[in-house]
């Protein structure tokens, strides 16, 4: 289990592989939710996750691939593109500057 300090997150990456647009929608939603927190939200293929990411959000089916490419960067897997509890918990931790375990 990894602990994420929400107050230390400056760059959140939404990583995908299918290219169907759902993850782009999620990235757009997260940009709006985290705008006031000053967090940069970017969308990236899972094989090209930027090395300066503080946290990666990706579909559960891609989580192991993402972890293999980011070293110690926390990866938050989700199952639902909209309204997933893991993503909601991460957003709240970032907004509140709180810590969460993933």
N, C-alpha and C. Protein backbone atom coordinates (compact mmCIF):
# COMPACT_ATOMS: atom_id res chain seq x y z
N UNK A 1 0.84 -1.18 0.00
CA UNK A 1 0.00 0.00 0.00
C UNK A 1 0.89 1.24 0.00
N UNK A 2 0.47 2.24 -0.75
CA UNK A 2 1.20 3.49 -0.88
C UNK A 2 0.37 4.62 -0.31
N UNK A 3 1.03 5.56 0.35
CA UNK A 3 0.34 6.74 0.86
C UNK A 3 0.62 7.91 -0.06
N UNK A 4 -0.44 8.63 -0.39
CA UNK A 4 -0.33 9.83 -1.22
C UNK A 4 -0.64 11.03 -0.35
N UNK A 5 0.26 12.01 -0.35
CA UNK A 5 0.03 13.28 0.33
C UNK A 5 -0.62 14.21 -0.68
N UNK A 6 -1.91 14.42 -0.53
CA UNK A 6 -2.65 15.23 -1.49
C UNK A 6 -2.10 16.62 -1.68
N UNK A 7 -1.51 17.18 -0.63
CA UNK A 7 -0.94 18.52 -0.72
C UNK A 7 0.33 18.58 -1.54
N UNK A 8 0.93 17.44 -1.81
CA UNK A 8 2.18 17.39 -2.59
C UNK A 8 1.95 17.04 -4.06
N UNK A 9 0.72 16.86 -4.45
CA UNK A 9 0.43 16.50 -5.84
C UNK A 9 0.36 17.77 -6.68
N UNK A 10 1.25 17.85 -7.66
CA UNK A 10 1.28 19.00 -8.58
C UNK A 10 0.95 18.58 -10.01
N UNK A 11 1.21 17.30 -10.32
CA UNK A 11 0.92 16.81 -11.67
C UNK A 11 0.26 15.44 -11.57
N UNK A 12 -0.96 15.35 -12.07
CA UNK A 12 -1.74 14.12 -12.10
C UNK A 12 -1.85 13.68 -13.56
N UNK A 13 -1.54 12.43 -13.82
CA UNK A 13 -1.60 11.90 -15.18
C UNK A 13 -2.72 10.88 -15.27
N UNK A 14 -3.61 11.06 -16.23
CA UNK A 14 -4.62 10.07 -16.56
C UNK A 14 -4.05 9.26 -17.71
N UNK A 15 -3.75 7.99 -17.44
CA UNK A 15 -3.11 7.14 -18.45
C UNK A 15 -4.13 6.18 -19.04
N UNK A 16 -4.05 5.98 -20.36
CA UNK A 16 -5.00 5.09 -21.03
C UNK A 16 -4.27 4.27 -22.09
N UNK A 17 -5.04 3.44 -22.74
CA UNK A 17 -4.45 2.62 -23.81
C UNK A 17 -5.40 2.46 -24.97
N UNK A 18 -6.69 2.45 -24.71
CA UNK A 18 -7.67 2.12 -25.73
C UNK A 18 -7.92 3.25 -26.72
N UNK A 19 -7.77 4.49 -26.30
CA UNK A 19 -7.98 5.62 -27.19
C UNK A 19 -9.44 5.84 -27.57
N UNK A 20 -10.35 5.43 -26.69
CA UNK A 20 -11.77 5.55 -26.99
C UNK A 20 -12.38 6.86 -26.50
N UNK A 21 -11.61 7.68 -25.81
CA UNK A 21 -12.10 8.98 -25.40
C UNK A 21 -12.60 9.06 -23.97
N UNK A 22 -12.88 7.93 -23.34
CA UNK A 22 -13.39 7.96 -21.97
C UNK A 22 -12.37 8.56 -21.01
N UNK A 23 -11.12 8.20 -21.18
CA UNK A 23 -10.08 8.73 -20.29
C UNK A 23 -9.84 10.22 -20.56
N UNK A 24 -10.05 10.67 -21.78
CA UNK A 24 -9.94 12.10 -22.09
C UNK A 24 -11.04 12.85 -21.36
N UNK A 25 -12.24 12.28 -21.32
CA UNK A 25 -13.34 12.90 -20.57
C UNK A 25 -13.00 12.96 -19.09
N UNK A 26 -12.43 11.88 -18.55
CA UNK A 26 -12.05 11.86 -17.15
C UNK A 26 -10.99 12.94 -16.87
N UNK A 27 -10.00 13.05 -17.74
CA UNK A 27 -8.97 14.08 -17.56
C UNK A 27 -9.59 15.47 -17.55
N UNK A 28 -10.53 15.72 -18.44
CA UNK A 28 -11.21 17.02 -18.47
C UNK A 28 -11.98 17.30 -17.19
N UNK A 29 -12.65 16.28 -16.68
CA UNK A 29 -13.39 16.42 -15.43
C UNK A 29 -12.45 16.72 -14.28
N UNK A 30 -11.33 15.99 -14.22
CA UNK A 30 -10.36 16.20 -13.15
C UNK A 30 -9.71 17.58 -13.24
N UNK A 31 -9.47 18.07 -14.45
CA UNK A 31 -8.91 19.43 -14.62
C UNK A 31 -9.84 20.45 -13.98
N UNK A 32 -11.13 20.32 -14.22
CA UNK A 32 -12.10 21.24 -13.64
C UNK A 32 -12.13 21.13 -12.12
N UNK A 33 -12.14 19.89 -11.62
CA UNK A 33 -12.23 19.68 -10.18
C UNK A 33 -10.99 20.16 -9.44
N UNK A 34 -9.83 20.09 -10.08
CA UNK A 34 -8.57 20.40 -9.40
C UNK A 34 -7.97 21.74 -9.80
N UNK A 35 -8.70 22.51 -10.59
CA UNK A 35 -8.19 23.80 -11.06
C UNK A 35 -7.81 24.71 -9.90
N UNK A 36 -8.66 24.82 -8.90
CA UNK A 36 -8.39 25.70 -7.75
C UNK A 36 -7.22 25.18 -6.91
N UNK A 37 -6.92 23.91 -7.01
CA UNK A 37 -5.82 23.32 -6.24
C UNK A 37 -4.48 23.52 -6.93
N UNK A 38 -4.50 24.03 -8.17
CA UNK A 38 -3.27 24.27 -8.90
C UNK A 38 -2.60 23.02 -9.42
N UNK A 39 -3.35 21.94 -9.56
CA UNK A 39 -2.79 20.68 -10.03
C UNK A 39 -2.91 20.62 -11.55
N UNK A 40 -1.80 20.30 -12.21
CA UNK A 40 -1.81 20.09 -13.65
C UNK A 40 -2.32 18.68 -13.92
N UNK A 41 -3.32 18.56 -14.77
CA UNK A 41 -3.87 17.26 -15.14
C UNK A 41 -3.57 17.05 -16.61
N UNK A 42 -2.90 15.93 -16.91
CA UNK A 42 -2.57 15.63 -18.31
C UNK A 42 -3.04 14.22 -18.65
N UNK A 43 -3.26 14.01 -19.92
CA UNK A 43 -3.68 12.71 -20.45
C UNK A 43 -2.49 12.13 -21.20
N UNK A 44 -2.25 10.83 -21.02
CA UNK A 44 -1.08 10.21 -21.63
C UNK A 44 -1.34 8.74 -21.93
N UNK A 45 -0.74 8.20 -23.00
CA UNK A 45 -0.76 6.75 -23.18
C UNK A 45 -0.02 6.09 -22.01
N UNK A 46 -0.46 4.92 -21.62
CA UNK A 46 0.14 4.24 -20.47
C UNK A 46 1.63 3.95 -20.70
N UNK A 47 2.04 3.80 -21.94
CA UNK A 47 3.44 3.52 -22.24
C UNK A 47 4.31 4.78 -22.27
N UNK A 48 3.69 5.96 -22.14
CA UNK A 48 4.43 7.22 -22.24
C UNK A 48 4.13 8.16 -21.08
N UNK A 49 3.94 7.64 -19.89
CA UNK A 49 3.63 8.46 -18.73
C UNK A 49 4.81 9.37 -18.43
N UNK A 50 4.57 10.68 -18.30
CA UNK A 50 5.67 11.60 -18.02
C UNK A 50 6.37 11.26 -16.70
N UNK A 51 7.67 11.41 -16.70
CA UNK A 51 8.47 11.07 -15.52
C UNK A 51 8.26 12.02 -14.35
N UNK A 52 7.68 13.21 -14.61
CA UNK A 52 7.46 14.16 -13.52
C UNK A 52 6.06 14.04 -12.91
N UNK A 53 5.37 12.95 -13.19
CA UNK A 53 4.04 12.73 -12.60
C UNK A 53 4.16 12.51 -11.09
N UNK A 54 3.23 13.08 -10.34
CA UNK A 54 3.17 12.85 -8.90
C UNK A 54 2.23 11.71 -8.57
N UNK A 55 1.23 11.50 -9.41
CA UNK A 55 0.28 10.40 -9.24
C UNK A 55 -0.30 10.07 -10.61
N UNK A 56 -0.59 8.79 -10.82
CA UNK A 56 -1.17 8.32 -12.08
C UNK A 56 -2.52 7.69 -11.78
N UNK A 57 -3.51 8.05 -12.57
CA UNK A 57 -4.85 7.48 -12.48
C UNK A 57 -5.06 6.69 -13.77
N UNK A 58 -5.43 5.42 -13.64
CA UNK A 58 -5.63 4.59 -14.83
C UNK A 58 -6.65 3.50 -14.56
N UNK A 59 -7.23 2.98 -15.62
CA UNK A 59 -8.19 1.89 -15.47
C UNK A 59 -7.50 0.69 -14.80
N UNK A 60 -8.23 -0.03 -13.99
CA UNK A 60 -7.67 -1.17 -13.24
C UNK A 60 -6.96 -2.17 -14.14
N UNK A 61 -7.45 -2.34 -15.35
CA UNK A 61 -6.84 -3.28 -16.28
C UNK A 61 -5.47 -2.85 -16.78
N UNK A 62 -5.13 -1.58 -16.59
CA UNK A 62 -3.83 -1.06 -17.04
C UNK A 62 -2.90 -0.74 -15.88
N UNK A 63 -3.36 -0.94 -14.65
CA UNK A 63 -2.60 -0.51 -13.48
C UNK A 63 -1.21 -1.15 -13.40
N UNK A 64 -1.10 -2.43 -13.65
CA UNK A 64 0.20 -3.09 -13.56
C UNK A 64 1.17 -2.57 -14.62
N UNK A 65 0.67 -2.34 -15.82
CA UNK A 65 1.52 -1.77 -16.87
C UNK A 65 2.00 -0.38 -16.48
N UNK A 66 1.09 0.41 -15.91
CA UNK A 66 1.46 1.76 -15.48
C UNK A 66 2.51 1.70 -14.37
N UNK A 67 2.30 0.82 -13.40
CA UNK A 67 3.27 0.70 -12.29
C UNK A 67 4.65 0.30 -12.80
N UNK A 68 4.69 -0.51 -13.83
CA UNK A 68 5.96 -0.95 -14.38
C UNK A 68 6.75 0.16 -15.04
N UNK A 69 6.08 1.23 -15.41
CA UNK A 69 6.76 2.32 -16.10
C UNK A 69 7.00 3.56 -15.28
N UNK A 70 6.53 3.58 -14.02
CA UNK A 70 6.64 4.83 -13.25
C UNK A 70 7.43 4.70 -11.96
N UNK A 71 7.96 3.54 -11.69
CA UNK A 71 8.76 3.36 -10.48
C UNK A 71 7.94 3.52 -9.21
N UNK A 72 8.31 4.49 -8.39
CA UNK A 72 7.68 4.71 -7.09
C UNK A 72 6.45 5.62 -7.13
N UNK A 73 6.10 6.13 -8.29
CA UNK A 73 4.95 7.03 -8.40
C UNK A 73 3.68 6.24 -8.11
N UNK A 74 2.82 6.76 -7.22
CA UNK A 74 1.59 6.03 -6.90
C UNK A 74 0.66 5.94 -8.11
N UNK A 75 0.05 4.78 -8.26
CA UNK A 75 -0.92 4.53 -9.33
C UNK A 75 -2.27 4.25 -8.67
N UNK A 76 -3.27 5.02 -9.05
CA UNK A 76 -4.62 4.84 -8.52
C UNK A 76 -5.46 4.18 -9.60
N UNK A 77 -5.81 2.91 -9.41
CA UNK A 77 -6.65 2.22 -10.40
C UNK A 77 -8.13 2.53 -10.16
N UNK A 78 -8.88 2.58 -11.25
CA UNK A 78 -10.32 2.78 -11.14
C UNK A 78 -11.03 1.81 -12.07
N UNK A 79 -12.33 1.62 -11.81
CA UNK A 79 -13.15 0.76 -12.66
C UNK A 79 -14.18 1.55 -13.45
N UNK A 80 -14.64 2.67 -12.91
CA UNK A 80 -15.66 3.50 -13.56
C UNK A 80 -15.03 4.80 -14.02
N UNK A 81 -15.25 5.18 -15.26
CA UNK A 81 -14.65 6.41 -15.77
C UNK A 81 -15.26 7.65 -15.13
N UNK A 82 -16.49 7.57 -14.71
CA UNK A 82 -17.13 8.70 -14.03
C UNK A 82 -17.72 8.23 -12.72
N UNK A 83 -17.37 8.91 -11.64
CA UNK A 83 -17.94 8.59 -10.34
C UNK A 83 -17.27 7.44 -9.61
N UNK A 84 -16.07 7.06 -9.99
CA UNK A 84 -15.40 5.96 -9.30
C UNK A 84 -14.96 6.42 -7.90
N UNK A 85 -15.22 5.62 -6.88
CA UNK A 85 -14.87 6.02 -5.50
C UNK A 85 -13.38 6.28 -5.29
N UNK A 86 -12.51 5.54 -5.96
CA UNK A 86 -11.07 5.74 -5.78
C UNK A 86 -10.65 7.12 -6.31
N UNK A 87 -11.19 7.52 -7.43
CA UNK A 87 -10.86 8.82 -8.01
C UNK A 87 -11.46 9.93 -7.16
N UNK A 88 -12.69 9.74 -6.70
CA UNK A 88 -13.34 10.72 -5.83
C UNK A 88 -12.53 10.94 -4.56
N UNK A 89 -12.04 9.85 -3.96
CA UNK A 89 -11.23 9.93 -2.75
C UNK A 89 -9.92 10.67 -3.02
N UNK A 90 -9.29 10.41 -4.15
CA UNK A 90 -8.06 11.09 -4.51
C UNK A 90 -8.29 12.59 -4.68
N UNK A 91 -9.33 12.96 -5.40
CA UNK A 91 -9.63 14.37 -5.63
C UNK A 91 -9.86 15.08 -4.30
N UNK A 92 -10.62 14.47 -3.41
CA UNK A 92 -10.89 15.07 -2.10
C UNK A 92 -9.60 15.24 -1.31
N UNK A 93 -8.72 14.25 -1.34
CA UNK A 93 -7.44 14.35 -0.63
C UNK A 93 -6.59 15.49 -1.18
N UNK A 94 -6.58 15.65 -2.49
CA UNK A 94 -5.82 16.75 -3.09
C UNK A 94 -6.42 18.09 -2.70
N UNK A 95 -7.74 18.20 -2.81
CA UNK A 95 -8.40 19.46 -2.46
C UNK A 95 -8.22 19.83 -1.00
N UNK A 96 -8.20 18.83 -0.12
CA UNK A 96 -8.09 19.07 1.32
C UNK A 96 -6.64 19.06 1.81
N UNK A 97 -5.71 18.69 0.94
CA UNK A 97 -4.31 18.57 1.37
C UNK A 97 -4.12 17.42 2.35
N UNK A 98 -4.94 16.39 2.22
CA UNK A 98 -4.91 15.26 3.14
C UNK A 98 -4.14 14.09 2.53
N UNK A 99 -3.87 13.09 3.35
CA UNK A 99 -3.20 11.87 2.88
C UNK A 99 -4.19 10.76 2.73
N UNK A 100 -3.95 9.90 1.72
CA UNK A 100 -4.78 8.70 1.53
C UNK A 100 -3.87 7.53 1.21
N UNK A 101 -4.36 6.35 1.48
CA UNK A 101 -3.65 5.12 1.13
C UNK A 101 -4.29 4.51 -0.11
N UNK A 102 -3.45 4.11 -1.04
CA UNK A 102 -3.96 3.46 -2.27
C UNK A 102 -3.26 2.14 -2.47
